[in-house]
Structures are given as C-alpha cells and as structure tokens.
C-alpha cells in the first residue's frame, strides 16, 4: 500500500514582499488621511480659540471702562488732572485711560488710575496702573517706571496684536459731556499670522455714569 503525502506550500518570498508593499501603501494613505483630518480640525478650531483668548484677555478693559469716573468723595466725576473727560484718549488714538475711586480700599491710595497703551513694536497691549491718594495726570500714568511698570496683556509667543485704535467723540449736553468710545482691534496667532480675529465695540460714556446697551449704570 502506497501512502501519498501532499507537500504543503507556503507563500513565496515574492508574494510576501508584494503583500508588505501593499500594506505599507494602505497604512501610508490611512495615516495621511488622519493627519489631514486632524490638521483641518485644528485649522477650524484655531480662530475660535484665538477669539476666546483675546476676549478673555480684554475683559478687564471693559470692566475698567464701566467704572470710569466713579467718585464718591467729590461732587464730580474722577478724571486725570490733565484731561476733562472720564475716558482719556491719546492724540494718536493708541492709548486710553480711566480713573475711579475704590470705595473698598482701606489704604490712603484710594484712586485707581489705569492706562491701556498699544505697543506697535512688540504688537502687544500694555497696561499701566497707579494707585494714589490724589488724582494723577494721564502723562504720569502712561509712563512705565521701575516702581510702577507697565505689563503686557498678551503672551507674545502665542498672540500678536496687529492693530489697536480708540476713538472718542464728545457731545456736550448742557453741563454734561457725553463720550462715544469705540475700540477697534485685530489680533493674530504668532505661529500662523494668517489666522486672525478682528472686532470692535462701542459705549456711551458721560461724566458721572456710563450708558451701555443694557441701560444706564449710575452711582
């Protein structure tokens, strides 16, 4: 009796190489697809992240504007000694500042002065703050000193402020002076300058109170 044993044949070297090549092509295409999808998602998210970061960073600016001129110590609004309006705007429209009394302040330095100044060289917004028992001038506060240095609002390695312009239109109504304040700005990502965010907002300001879209804020 003769028993025939069939020889098992595996894949040849050529077949294995072809299979590996096809698998590599498939994996490469799949990886490229996922990378492209990830890049597209990041591209879509970056403008939103930029907008959120800028608006959060400028939140203190809007708060200071709402407090502009508050003064419970005298019968008139608090202003810088060298200006007459509650919101002081520089001649180049790159800086503005406000003064207000801090009623909860327990020290003698009760007046809070703040100036926001655009720095075109570093493309950033500087904040200069001074506390004093008496009212100071705009020119005093806007200067950065060793005792009271100005500091940057934005992280320059992440965001560049491409433009910042403040306009003020004064309208006299009897003894009252009202200001229409408009702030325009444009920011961009440092690593992707083409990803930018522009915005502007306006408010009515007057000696003694601020008028906002929600109504009158008085003291």
N, C-alpha and C. Protein backbone atom coordinates (compact mmCIF):
# COMPACT_ATOMS: atom_id res chain seq x y z
N UNK A 1 0.85 -1.18 0.00
CA UNK A 1 0.00 0.00 0.00
C UNK A 1 0.90 1.24 0.00
N UNK A 2 0.57 2.11 -0.91
CA UNK A 2 1.39 3.32 -1.07
C UNK A 2 0.63 4.51 -0.49
N UNK A 3 1.21 5.25 0.44
CA UNK A 3 0.60 6.46 1.04
C UNK A 3 1.26 7.69 0.43
N UNK A 4 0.41 8.52 -0.19
CA UNK A 4 0.91 9.75 -0.81
C UNK A 4 0.79 10.90 0.18
N UNK A 5 1.84 11.55 0.42
CA UNK A 5 1.85 12.71 1.35
C UNK A 5 1.97 13.99 0.54
N UNK A 6 0.92 14.87 0.66
CA UNK A 6 0.94 16.12 -0.10
C UNK A 6 1.86 17.14 0.59
N UNK A 7 2.66 17.73 -0.21
CA UNK A 7 3.58 18.74 0.32
C UNK A 7 2.85 20.08 0.50
N UNK A 8 2.94 20.68 1.73
CA UNK A 8 2.31 21.99 1.98
C UNK A 8 3.19 23.09 1.40
N UNK A 9 2.55 23.97 0.70
CA UNK A 9 3.29 25.06 0.09
C UNK A 9 2.93 26.38 0.75
N UNK A 10 3.87 27.15 1.29
CA UNK A 10 3.63 28.46 1.90
C UNK A 10 3.74 29.55 0.85
N UNK A 11 3.71 30.82 1.36
CA UNK A 11 3.85 31.95 0.45
C UNK A 11 5.30 32.08 0.02
N UNK A 12 5.45 32.44 -1.20
CA UNK A 12 6.80 32.65 -1.69
C UNK A 12 7.32 33.99 -1.19
N UNK A 13 8.60 34.20 -1.27
CA UNK A 13 9.20 35.45 -0.83
C UNK A 13 8.66 36.64 -1.62
N UNK A 14 8.45 36.42 -2.90
CA UNK A 14 7.92 37.49 -3.74
C UNK A 14 6.51 37.89 -3.31
N UNK A 15 5.68 36.90 -2.99
CA UNK A 15 4.31 37.19 -2.55
C UNK A 15 4.30 37.95 -1.23
N UNK A 16 5.21 37.56 -0.33
CA UNK A 16 5.29 38.26 0.96
C UNK A 16 5.71 39.72 0.76
N UNK A 17 6.68 39.94 -0.12
CA UNK A 17 7.15 41.30 -0.39
C UNK A 17 6.05 42.16 -1.01
N UNK A 18 5.30 41.55 -1.93
CA UNK A 18 4.20 42.29 -2.56
C UNK A 18 3.13 42.64 -1.52
N UNK A 19 2.80 41.68 -0.63
CA UNK A 19 1.80 41.92 0.40
C UNK A 19 2.25 43.03 1.36
N UNK A 20 3.55 43.01 1.73
CA UNK A 20 4.08 44.05 2.62
C UNK A 20 4.04 45.42 1.95
N UNK A 21 4.33 45.46 0.67
CA UNK A 21 4.32 46.72 -0.06
C UNK A 21 2.91 47.30 -0.12
N UNK A 22 1.94 46.42 -0.41
CA UNK A 22 0.54 46.88 -0.46
C UNK A 22 0.06 47.35 0.91
N UNK A 23 0.44 46.62 1.96
CA UNK A 23 0.04 47.01 3.31
C UNK A 23 0.65 48.36 3.69
N UNK A 24 1.91 48.55 3.29
CA UNK A 24 2.58 49.82 3.59
C UNK A 24 1.90 50.98 2.89
N UNK A 25 1.50 50.76 1.63
CA UNK A 25 0.79 51.81 0.90
C UNK A 25 -0.55 52.14 1.55
N UNK A 26 -1.24 51.11 1.99
CA UNK A 26 -2.54 51.32 2.63
C UNK A 26 -2.38 52.08 3.95
N UNK A 27 -1.39 51.70 4.76
CA UNK A 27 -1.16 52.37 6.02
C UNK A 27 -0.72 53.82 5.82
N UNK A 28 0.11 54.03 4.77
CA UNK A 28 0.57 55.40 4.48
C UNK A 28 -0.60 56.28 4.09
N UNK A 29 -1.48 55.76 3.24
CA UNK A 29 -2.65 56.53 2.82
C UNK A 29 -3.58 56.81 3.99
N UNK A 30 -3.77 55.81 4.85
CA UNK A 30 -4.63 55.98 6.01
C UNK A 30 -4.05 57.00 6.99
N UNK A 31 -2.73 56.94 7.19
CA UNK A 31 -2.09 57.90 8.09
C UNK A 31 -2.19 59.32 7.55
N UNK A 32 -1.99 59.45 6.23
CA UNK A 32 -2.10 60.77 5.61
C UNK A 32 -3.51 61.32 5.75
N UNK A 33 -4.50 60.45 5.63
CA UNK A 33 -5.90 60.88 5.77
C UNK A 33 -6.17 61.37 7.19
N UNK A 34 -5.72 60.61 8.19
CA UNK A 34 -5.94 61.02 9.57
C UNK A 34 -5.19 62.30 9.91
N UNK A 35 -3.97 62.46 9.40
CA UNK A 35 -3.21 63.68 9.65
C UNK A 35 -3.88 64.89 9.01
N UNK A 36 -4.40 64.70 7.80
CA UNK A 36 -5.08 65.78 7.12
C UNK A 36 -6.37 66.17 7.86
N UNK A 37 -7.08 65.16 8.35
CA UNK A 37 -8.31 65.42 9.11
C UNK A 37 -7.99 66.16 10.40
N UNK A 38 -6.92 65.73 11.08
CA UNK A 38 -6.51 66.39 12.33
C UNK A 38 -6.10 67.82 12.06
N UNK A 39 -5.36 68.04 10.99
CA UNK A 39 -4.92 69.40 10.63
C UNK A 39 -6.12 70.29 10.31
N UNK A 40 -7.10 69.73 9.61
CA UNK A 40 -8.30 70.50 9.26
C UNK A 40 -9.08 70.89 10.51
N UNK A 41 -9.17 69.97 11.46
CA UNK A 41 -9.88 70.28 12.72
C UNK A 41 -9.16 71.37 13.50
N UNK A 42 -7.83 71.29 13.53
CA UNK A 42 -7.07 72.32 14.24
C UNK A 42 -7.23 73.68 13.56
N UNK A 43 -7.23 73.66 12.22
CA UNK A 43 -7.39 74.90 11.47
C UNK A 43 -8.74 75.54 11.76
N UNK A 44 -9.77 74.72 11.88
CA UNK A 44 -11.10 75.24 12.18
C UNK A 44 -11.21 75.73 13.62
N UNK A 45 -10.51 75.10 14.54
CA UNK A 45 -10.61 75.45 15.94
C UNK A 45 -9.77 76.67 16.31
N UNK A 46 -8.65 76.86 15.62
CA UNK A 46 -7.72 77.93 16.00
C UNK A 46 -8.35 79.32 15.99
N UNK A 47 -9.15 79.70 14.98
CA UNK A 47 -9.78 81.03 15.04
C UNK A 47 -10.69 81.19 16.25
N UNK A 48 -11.41 80.13 16.61
CA UNK A 48 -12.30 80.20 17.77
C UNK A 48 -11.49 80.32 19.07
N UNK A 49 -10.40 79.57 19.16
CA UNK A 49 -9.54 79.64 20.35
C UNK A 49 -8.92 81.02 20.45
N UNK A 50 -8.49 81.57 19.31
CA UNK A 50 -7.91 82.92 19.29
C UNK A 50 -8.93 83.95 19.76
N UNK A 51 -10.13 83.89 19.23
CA UNK A 51 -11.18 84.83 19.62
C UNK A 51 -11.47 84.75 21.11
N UNK A 52 -11.59 83.54 21.63
CA UNK A 52 -11.88 83.36 23.05
C UNK A 52 -10.76 83.90 23.92
N UNK A 53 -9.52 83.64 23.52
CA UNK A 53 -8.37 84.09 24.30
C UNK A 53 -8.29 85.61 24.31
N UNK A 54 -8.51 86.24 23.16
CA UNK A 54 -8.43 87.70 23.07
C UNK A 54 -9.53 88.34 23.91
N UNK A 55 -10.75 87.84 23.79
CA UNK A 55 -11.86 88.44 24.53
C UNK A 55 -11.68 88.27 26.03
N UNK A 56 -11.15 87.13 26.47
CA UNK A 56 -10.90 86.94 27.89
C UNK A 56 -9.80 87.89 28.38
N UNK A 57 -8.78 88.09 27.56
CA UNK A 57 -7.68 88.97 27.96
C UNK A 57 -8.12 90.42 28.05
N UNK A 58 -9.08 90.82 27.22
CA UNK A 58 -9.55 92.21 27.21
C UNK A 58 -10.74 92.43 28.14
N UNK A 59 -11.09 91.42 28.91
CA UNK A 59 -12.25 91.55 29.79
C UNK A 59 -12.03 92.65 30.83
N UNK A 60 -10.81 92.75 31.36
CA UNK A 60 -10.52 93.77 32.37
C UNK A 60 -10.67 95.17 31.78
N UNK A 61 -10.42 95.29 30.50
CA UNK A 61 -10.54 96.59 29.83
C UNK A 61 -11.98 97.09 29.88
N UNK A 62 -12.93 96.21 29.59
CA UNK A 62 -14.34 96.60 29.61
C UNK A 62 -14.80 96.91 31.03
N UNK A 63 -14.28 96.17 32.01
CA UNK A 63 -14.65 96.44 33.40
C UNK A 63 -14.18 97.83 33.82
N UNK A 64 -12.94 98.18 33.47
CA UNK A 64 -12.41 99.50 33.82
C UNK A 64 -13.21 100.60 33.14
N UNK A 65 -13.65 100.38 31.91
CA UNK A 65 -14.45 101.39 31.23
C UNK A 65 -15.78 101.62 31.94
N UNK A 66 -16.39 100.55 32.44
CA UNK A 66 -17.65 100.68 33.15
C UNK A 66 -17.47 101.46 34.47
N UNK A 67 -16.27 101.43 35.04
CA UNK A 67 -16.02 102.11 36.31
C UNK A 67 -15.50 103.53 36.12
N UNK A 68 -15.29 103.92 34.88
CA UNK A 68 -14.67 105.21 34.58
C UNK A 68 -15.40 106.37 35.26
N UNK A 69 -14.64 107.18 35.98
CA UNK A 69 -15.18 108.40 36.57
C UNK A 69 -15.83 108.25 37.92
N UNK A 70 -16.01 107.03 38.41
CA UNK A 70 -16.70 106.84 39.69
C UNK A 70 -15.95 107.58 40.80
N UNK A 71 -16.69 108.39 41.53
CA UNK A 71 -16.06 109.18 42.58
C UNK A 71 -17.09 109.50 43.66
N UNK A 72 -16.94 108.84 44.78
CA UNK A 72 -17.87 109.07 45.89
C UNK A 72 -17.37 110.13 46.86
N UNK A 73 -16.20 110.71 46.59
CA UNK A 73 -15.60 111.67 47.51
C UNK A 73 -15.90 113.11 47.13
N UNK A 74 -16.19 113.36 45.86
CA UNK A 74 -16.43 114.72 45.40
C UNK A 74 -17.73 114.76 44.61
N UNK A 75 -18.17 115.95 44.31
CA UNK A 75 -19.41 116.10 43.57
C UNK A 75 -19.23 116.08 42.07
N UNK A 76 -18.15 115.52 41.60
CA UNK A 76 -17.92 115.42 40.16
C UNK A 76 -17.17 114.12 39.87
N UNK A 77 -17.16 113.75 38.58
CA UNK A 77 -16.50 112.50 38.18
C UNK A 77 -14.99 112.60 38.36
N UNK A 78 -14.37 111.47 38.62
CA UNK A 78 -12.91 111.40 38.74
C UNK A 78 -12.29 111.35 37.34
N UNK A 79 -11.34 112.22 37.09
CA UNK A 79 -10.65 112.26 35.79
C UNK A 79 -9.15 112.50 36.04
N UNK A 80 -8.37 112.26 35.02
CA UNK A 80 -6.96 112.63 35.08
C UNK A 80 -6.87 114.15 35.19
N UNK A 81 -5.82 114.63 35.84
CA UNK A 81 -5.71 116.07 36.08
C UNK A 81 -5.46 116.87 34.80
N UNK A 82 -4.98 116.22 33.75
CA UNK A 82 -4.68 116.95 32.51
C UNK A 82 -5.72 116.73 31.41
N UNK A 83 -6.87 116.12 31.74
CA UNK A 83 -7.95 115.95 30.78
C UNK A 83 -9.27 116.28 31.47
N UNK A 84 -10.31 116.45 30.67
CA UNK A 84 -11.62 116.81 31.23
C UNK A 84 -12.65 115.70 31.11
N UNK A 85 -12.39 114.70 30.26
CA UNK A 85 -13.35 113.62 30.05
C UNK A 85 -13.04 112.43 30.96
N UNK A 86 -14.08 111.64 31.25
CA UNK A 86 -13.87 110.48 32.12
C UNK A 86 -13.02 109.42 31.44
N UNK A 87 -13.04 109.37 30.12
CA UNK A 87 -12.18 108.45 29.37
C UNK A 87 -11.18 109.29 28.59
N UNK A 88 -9.92 109.20 28.97
CA UNK A 88 -8.87 109.97 28.31
C UNK A 88 -8.33 109.18 27.13
N UNK A 89 -8.29 109.79 25.96
CA UNK A 89 -7.78 109.15 24.74
C UNK A 89 -6.59 109.96 24.23
N UNK A 90 -5.49 109.28 23.93
CA UNK A 90 -4.29 109.96 23.45
C UNK A 90 -4.50 110.54 22.06
N UNK A 91 -3.65 111.48 21.67
CA UNK A 91 -3.77 112.14 20.36
C UNK A 91 -3.58 111.18 19.20
N UNK A 92 -2.76 110.13 19.40
CA UNK A 92 -2.54 109.16 18.33
C UNK A 92 -3.59 108.05 18.33
N UNK A 93 -4.55 108.11 19.26
CA UNK A 93 -5.64 107.14 19.36
C UNK A 93 -5.14 105.71 19.61
N UNK A 94 -3.97 105.60 20.21
CA UNK A 94 -3.40 104.30 20.52
C UNK A 94 -3.45 103.97 22.01
N UNK A 95 -3.88 104.93 22.80
CA UNK A 95 -3.94 104.74 24.25
C UNK A 95 -5.20 105.37 24.80
N UNK A 96 -5.69 104.81 25.89
CA UNK A 96 -6.78 105.45 26.61
C UNK A 96 -6.68 105.05 28.08
N UNK A 97 -7.27 105.87 28.93
CA UNK A 97 -7.20 105.59 30.36
C UNK A 97 -8.40 106.10 31.11
N UNK A 98 -8.59 105.58 32.31
CA UNK A 98 -9.70 105.99 33.17
C UNK A 98 -9.21 106.08 34.60
N UNK A 99 -9.99 106.78 35.42
CA UNK A 99 -9.73 106.89 36.85
C UNK A 99 -11.04 106.60 37.57
N UNK A 100 -10.95 105.90 38.69
CA UNK A 100 -12.14 105.73 39.51
C UNK A 100 -11.73 105.52 40.97
N UNK A 101 -12.65 105.88 41.85
CA UNK A 101 -12.42 105.76 43.28
C UNK A 101 -12.74 104.34 43.72
N UNK A 102 -11.91 103.80 44.59
CA UNK A 102 -12.11 102.45 45.11
C UNK A 102 -12.74 102.54 46.49
N UNK A 103 -14.04 102.35 46.60
CA UNK A 103 -14.71 102.53 47.89
C UNK A 103 -14.33 101.51 48.95
N UNK A 104 -13.84 100.36 48.51
CA UNK A 104 -13.48 99.32 49.48
C UNK A 104 -12.01 99.39 49.88
N UNK A 105 -11.31 100.36 49.35
CA UNK A 105 -9.89 100.48 49.64
C UNK A 105 -9.67 100.99 51.06
N UNK A 106 -8.91 100.26 51.85
CA UNK A 106 -8.69 100.64 53.25
C UNK A 106 -7.45 101.53 53.40
N UNK A 107 -6.61 101.59 52.36
CA UNK A 107 -5.42 102.42 52.45
C UNK A 107 -5.76 103.83 51.97
N UNK A 108 -4.77 104.71 52.06
CA UNK A 108 -4.98 106.09 51.60
C UNK A 108 -4.92 106.20 50.09
N UNK A 109 -4.35 105.20 49.41
CA UNK A 109 -4.27 105.21 47.94
C UNK A 109 -5.61 104.75 47.37
N UNK A 110 -6.58 105.66 47.38
CA UNK A 110 -7.94 105.27 47.05
C UNK A 110 -8.27 105.40 45.57
N UNK A 111 -7.56 106.25 44.83
CA UNK A 111 -7.86 106.43 43.41
C UNK A 111 -7.05 105.45 42.57
N UNK A 112 -7.76 104.76 41.71
CA UNK A 112 -7.10 103.79 40.83
C UNK A 112 -7.05 104.38 39.43
N UNK A 113 -5.84 104.50 38.88
CA UNK A 113 -5.62 105.03 37.54
C UNK A 113 -5.13 103.88 36.66
N UNK A 114 -5.68 103.76 35.48
CA UNK A 114 -5.24 102.71 34.56
C UNK A 114 -5.23 103.25 33.13
N UNK A 115 -4.15 102.94 32.43
CA UNK A 115 -4.00 103.34 31.03
C UNK A 115 -3.66 102.10 30.20
N UNK A 116 -4.38 101.94 29.10
CA UNK A 116 -4.09 100.86 28.15
C UNK A 116 -3.38 101.49 26.96
N UNK A 117 -2.18 101.00 26.69
CA UNK A 117 -1.34 101.62 25.65
C UNK A 117 -0.88 100.57 24.64
N UNK A 118 -1.12 100.85 23.36
CA UNK A 118 -0.70 99.92 22.31
C UNK A 118 0.80 100.05 22.05
N UNK A 119 1.47 98.91 21.98
CA UNK A 119 2.91 98.87 21.72
C UNK A 119 3.12 98.28 20.32
N UNK A 120 3.24 99.12 19.28
CA UNK A 120 3.36 98.60 17.91
C UNK A 120 4.65 97.83 17.65
N UNK A 121 5.69 98.15 18.40
CA UNK A 121 6.97 97.47 18.18
C UNK A 121 6.86 95.99 18.55
N UNK A 122 6.24 95.71 19.68
CA UNK A 122 6.08 94.33 20.13
C UNK A 122 4.69 93.77 19.81
N UNK A 123 3.86 94.60 19.18
CA UNK A 123 2.50 94.19 18.81
C UNK A 123 1.77 93.58 20.01
N UNK A 124 1.65 94.42 21.03
CA UNK A 124 1.01 93.98 22.27
C UNK A 124 0.30 95.17 22.91
N UNK A 125 -0.53 94.88 23.88
CA UNK A 125 -1.23 95.94 24.62
C UNK A 125 -0.67 96.00 26.03
N UNK A 126 -0.20 97.18 26.40
CA UNK A 126 0.38 97.38 27.72
C UNK A 126 -0.66 97.98 28.67
N UNK A 127 -0.57 97.59 29.92
CA UNK A 127 -1.44 98.13 30.96
C UNK A 127 -0.57 98.84 31.99
N UNK A 128 -0.86 100.10 32.24
CA UNK A 128 -0.12 100.89 33.22
C UNK A 128 -1.09 101.27 34.33
N UNK A 129 -0.76 100.91 35.56
CA UNK A 129 -1.66 101.13 36.69
C UNK A 129 -0.96 101.92 37.78
N UNK A 130 -1.72 102.81 38.41
CA UNK A 130 -1.21 103.57 39.56
C UNK A 130 -2.34 103.73 40.58
N UNK A 131 -2.00 103.57 41.85
CA UNK A 131 -2.92 103.89 42.94
C UNK A 131 -2.36 105.09 43.68
N UNK A 132 -3.25 106.02 44.00
CA UNK A 132 -2.79 107.25 44.63
C UNK A 132 -3.91 107.85 45.47
N UNK A 133 -3.51 108.59 46.49
CA UNK A 133 -4.49 109.27 47.33
C UNK A 133 -5.05 110.50 46.64
N UNK A 134 -4.33 110.99 45.61
CA UNK A 134 -4.78 112.14 44.84
C UNK A 134 -4.87 111.75 43.37
N UNK A 135 -5.57 112.56 42.60
CA UNK A 135 -5.69 112.30 41.17
C UNK A 135 -4.37 112.63 40.47
N UNK A 136 -3.97 111.78 39.54
CA UNK A 136 -2.74 111.96 38.78
C UNK A 136 -3.06 112.35 37.34
N UNK A 137 -2.04 112.73 36.59
CA UNK A 137 -2.22 113.09 35.19
C UNK A 137 -2.08 111.86 34.30
N UNK A 138 -2.65 111.95 33.11
CA UNK A 138 -2.55 110.87 32.13
C UNK A 138 -1.09 110.62 31.75
N UNK A 139 -0.33 111.71 31.57
CA UNK A 139 1.08 111.59 31.18
C UNK A 139 1.92 110.92 32.25
N UNK A 140 1.53 111.06 33.50
CA UNK A 140 2.25 110.39 34.59
C UNK A 140 2.02 108.89 34.57
N UNK A 141 0.78 108.49 34.37
CA UNK A 141 0.42 107.08 34.48
C UNK A 141 0.87 106.28 33.26
N UNK A 142 0.88 106.91 32.09
CA UNK A 142 1.17 106.18 30.86
C UNK A 142 2.63 105.76 30.76
N UNK A 143 3.50 106.39 31.55
CA UNK A 143 4.92 106.06 31.52
C UNK A 143 5.22 104.86 32.41
N UNK A 144 6.00 103.93 31.87
CA UNK A 144 6.41 102.76 32.64
C UNK A 144 7.64 103.11 33.48
N UNK A 145 7.56 102.87 34.77
CA UNK A 145 8.68 103.17 35.66
C UNK A 145 9.07 101.92 36.44
N UNK A 146 10.18 102.01 37.13
CA UNK A 146 10.63 100.87 37.92
C UNK A 146 9.66 100.60 39.08
N UNK A 147 9.11 101.66 39.62
CA UNK A 147 8.17 101.50 40.74
C UNK A 147 6.81 101.01 40.24
N UNK A 148 6.37 101.55 39.10
CA UNK A 148 5.07 101.17 38.54
C UNK A 148 5.25 100.79 37.06
N UNK A 149 5.77 99.60 36.81
CA UNK A 149 5.99 99.20 35.42
C UNK A 149 4.69 98.82 34.71
N UNK A 150 4.66 99.07 33.41
CA UNK A 150 3.54 98.61 32.59
C UNK A 150 3.79 97.15 32.22
N UNK A 151 2.74 96.39 32.05
CA UNK A 151 2.90 94.98 31.71
C UNK A 151 2.04 94.62 30.51
N UNK A 152 2.43 93.56 29.82
CA UNK A 152 1.74 93.14 28.61
C UNK A 152 0.52 92.29 28.94
N UNK A 153 -0.53 92.48 28.15
CA UNK A 153 -1.74 91.68 28.34
C UNK A 153 -1.62 90.33 27.67
N UNK A 154 -1.05 90.30 26.47
CA UNK A 154 -1.00 89.06 25.69
C UNK A 154 0.36 88.38 25.79
N UNK A 155 0.34 87.07 25.67
CA UNK A 155 1.56 86.28 25.56
C UNK A 155 2.06 86.41 24.13
N UNK A 156 3.15 87.16 23.94
CA UNK A 156 3.65 87.45 22.61
C UNK A 156 4.07 86.23 21.81
N UNK A 157 4.40 85.14 22.49
CA UNK A 157 4.79 83.93 21.79
C UNK A 157 3.58 83.22 21.18
N UNK A 158 2.39 83.65 21.60
CA UNK A 158 1.17 83.00 21.11
C UNK A 158 0.28 83.94 20.30
N UNK A 159 0.17 85.20 20.74
CA UNK A 159 -0.72 86.16 20.08
C UNK A 159 0.01 87.47 19.82
N UNK A 160 -0.24 88.04 18.64
CA UNK A 160 0.25 89.36 18.29
C UNK A 160 -0.95 90.28 18.05
N UNK A 161 -0.92 91.44 18.66
CA UNK A 161 -1.97 92.43 18.44
C UNK A 161 -1.55 93.29 17.25
N UNK A 162 -2.15 93.05 16.10
CA UNK A 162 -1.75 93.71 14.87
C UNK A 162 -2.17 95.18 14.82
N UNK A 163 -3.28 95.49 15.46
CA UNK A 163 -3.75 96.87 15.42
C UNK A 163 -4.65 97.14 16.63
N UNK A 164 -4.63 98.38 17.09
CA UNK A 164 -5.46 98.78 18.23
C UNK A 164 -5.70 100.28 18.12
N UNK A 165 -6.95 100.67 17.92
CA UNK A 165 -7.30 102.08 17.72
C UNK A 165 -8.50 102.43 18.59
N UNK A 166 -8.41 103.56 19.27
CA UNK A 166 -9.50 104.04 20.13
C UNK A 166 -9.96 105.41 19.61
N UNK A 167 -11.25 105.56 19.42
CA UNK A 167 -11.82 106.84 19.00
C UNK A 167 -12.78 107.34 20.08
N UNK A 168 -12.82 108.65 20.23
CA UNK A 168 -13.71 109.27 21.21
C UNK A 168 -14.38 110.48 20.57
N UNK A 169 -15.68 110.49 20.64
CA UNK A 169 -16.44 111.63 20.14
C UNK A 169 -17.20 112.25 21.30
N UNK A 170 -16.88 113.50 21.60
CA UNK A 170 -17.50 114.20 22.73
C UNK A 170 -18.70 115.02 22.26
N UNK A 171 -19.79 114.93 23.01
CA UNK A 171 -21.01 115.68 22.71
C UNK A 171 -21.46 116.38 23.99
N UNK A 172 -21.56 117.70 23.93
CA UNK A 172 -21.97 118.48 25.09
C UNK A 172 -23.49 118.60 25.12
N UNK A 173 -24.05 118.31 26.27
CA UNK A 173 -25.49 118.46 26.50
C UNK A 173 -25.68 119.23 27.80
N UNK A 174 -25.69 120.56 27.68
CA UNK A 174 -25.77 121.39 28.87
C UNK A 174 -24.47 121.30 29.66
N UNK A 175 -24.59 120.94 30.94
CA UNK A 175 -23.41 120.79 31.78
C UNK A 175 -22.79 119.40 31.65
N UNK A 176 -23.43 118.56 30.88
CA UNK A 176 -22.98 117.17 30.77
C UNK A 176 -22.21 116.95 29.48
N UNK A 177 -21.12 116.21 29.58
CA UNK A 177 -20.32 115.85 28.40
C UNK A 177 -20.40 114.35 28.21
N UNK A 178 -20.90 113.95 27.08
CA UNK A 178 -21.01 112.52 26.80
C UNK A 178 -19.95 112.13 25.77
N UNK A 179 -19.44 110.93 25.91
CA UNK A 179 -18.42 110.41 25.00
C UNK A 179 -18.90 109.12 24.34
N UNK A 180 -18.67 109.05 23.05
CA UNK A 180 -18.92 107.81 22.33
C UNK A 180 -17.57 107.16 22.10
N UNK A 181 -17.29 106.09 22.85
CA UNK A 181 -15.99 105.42 22.81
C UNK A 181 -16.08 104.20 21.90
N UNK A 182 -15.17 104.12 20.95
CA UNK A 182 -15.12 102.97 20.04
C UNK A 182 -13.71 102.39 20.05
N UNK A 183 -13.61 101.10 20.27
CA UNK A 183 -12.33 100.39 20.29
C UNK A 183 -12.30 99.39 19.14
N UNK A 184 -11.30 99.51 18.29
CA UNK A 184 -11.10 98.58 17.18
C UNK A 184 -9.77 97.87 17.37
N UNK A 185 -9.77 96.56 17.19
CA UNK A 185 -8.51 95.83 17.33
C UNK A 185 -8.49 94.62 16.40
N UNK A 186 -7.28 94.17 16.12
CA UNK A 186 -7.07 92.99 15.28
C UNK A 186 -5.91 92.20 15.85
N UNK A 187 -6.15 90.92 16.12
CA UNK A 187 -5.13 90.04 16.70
C UNK A 187 -4.92 88.84 15.79
N UNK A 188 -3.74 88.24 15.87
CA UNK A 188 -3.41 87.07 15.06
C UNK A 188 -2.51 86.14 15.85
N UNK A 189 -2.53 84.86 15.45
CA UNK A 189 -1.64 83.90 16.08
C UNK A 189 -0.21 84.17 15.63
N UNK A 190 0.71 84.11 16.56
CA UNK A 190 2.12 84.36 16.23
C UNK A 190 2.65 83.31 15.25
N UNK A 191 2.28 82.06 15.45
CA UNK A 191 2.77 80.98 14.60
C UNK A 191 2.03 80.91 13.25
N UNK A 192 0.81 81.45 13.20
CA UNK A 192 0.02 81.45 11.96
C UNK A 192 -0.59 82.84 11.78
N UNK A 193 0.17 83.80 11.26
CA UNK A 193 -0.33 85.17 11.12
C UNK A 193 -1.58 85.27 10.25
N UNK A 194 -1.80 84.26 9.39
CA UNK A 194 -2.99 84.31 8.54
C UNK A 194 -4.26 84.02 9.32
N UNK A 195 -4.13 83.43 10.51
CA UNK A 195 -5.29 83.18 11.37
C UNK A 195 -5.44 84.39 12.29
N UNK A 196 -6.43 85.23 11.98
CA UNK A 196 -6.58 86.50 12.69
C UNK A 196 -8.03 86.68 13.15
N UNK A 197 -8.20 87.61 14.07
CA UNK A 197 -9.52 87.92 14.62
C UNK A 197 -9.63 89.43 14.79
N UNK A 198 -10.66 90.01 14.21
CA UNK A 198 -10.90 91.45 14.30
C UNK A 198 -12.23 91.70 15.00
N UNK A 199 -12.28 92.78 15.76
CA UNK A 199 -13.52 93.09 16.45
C UNK A 199 -13.53 94.57 16.83
N UNK A 200 -14.70 95.08 17.16
CA UNK A 200 -14.83 96.44 17.67
C UNK A 200 -16.07 96.51 18.54
N UNK A 201 -16.09 97.41 19.48
CA UNK A 201 -17.25 97.65 20.31
C UNK A 201 -17.26 99.11 20.74
N UNK A 202 -18.45 99.57 21.07
CA UNK A 202 -18.62 100.98 21.41
C UNK A 202 -19.49 101.13 22.66
N UNK A 203 -19.31 102.27 23.33
CA UNK A 203 -20.09 102.58 24.53
C UNK A 203 -20.28 104.09 24.64
N UNK A 204 -21.37 104.47 25.24
CA UNK A 204 -21.56 105.86 25.61
C UNK A 204 -20.95 106.06 26.98
N UNK A 205 -20.20 107.12 27.14
CA UNK A 205 -19.68 107.48 28.45
C UNK A 205 -20.03 108.91 28.77
N UNK A 206 -20.27 109.20 30.02
CA UNK A 206 -20.61 110.57 30.42
C UNK A 206 -20.04 110.85 31.80
N UNK A 207 -19.85 112.10 32.12
CA UNK A 207 -19.29 112.46 33.41
C UNK A 207 -20.28 112.11 34.52
N UNK A 208 -20.05 111.01 35.19
CA UNK A 208 -20.91 110.61 36.28
C UNK A 208 -21.53 109.25 36.10
N UNK A 209 -21.68 108.79 34.86
CA UNK A 209 -22.19 107.44 34.65
C UNK A 209 -21.88 106.97 33.24
N UNK A 210 -22.02 105.68 33.05
CA UNK A 210 -21.79 105.10 31.74
C UNK A 210 -23.10 104.56 31.22
N UNK A 211 -23.37 104.79 29.94
CA UNK A 211 -24.56 104.25 29.30
C UNK A 211 -24.13 103.07 28.44
N UNK A 212 -24.69 101.90 28.72
CA UNK A 212 -24.35 100.69 27.99
C UNK A 212 -25.58 100.22 27.21
N UNK A 213 -25.42 99.25 26.31
CA UNK A 213 -26.59 98.73 25.59
C UNK A 213 -27.66 98.17 26.51
N UNK A 214 -27.27 97.77 27.73
CA UNK A 214 -28.24 97.21 28.65
C UNK A 214 -28.95 98.29 29.46
N UNK A 215 -28.46 99.53 29.40
CA UNK A 215 -29.09 100.60 30.17
C UNK A 215 -28.06 101.49 30.83
N UNK A 216 -28.50 102.23 31.81
CA UNK A 216 -27.63 103.21 32.46
C UNK A 216 -27.03 102.62 33.73
N UNK A 217 -25.72 102.76 33.84
CA UNK A 217 -25.03 102.37 35.07
C UNK A 217 -24.70 103.66 35.81
N UNK A 218 -25.36 103.93 36.91
CA UNK A 218 -25.11 105.16 37.65
C UNK A 218 -24.65 104.82 39.07
N UNK A 219 -24.20 105.84 39.80
CA UNK A 219 -23.74 105.65 41.17
C UNK A 219 -24.58 106.50 42.13
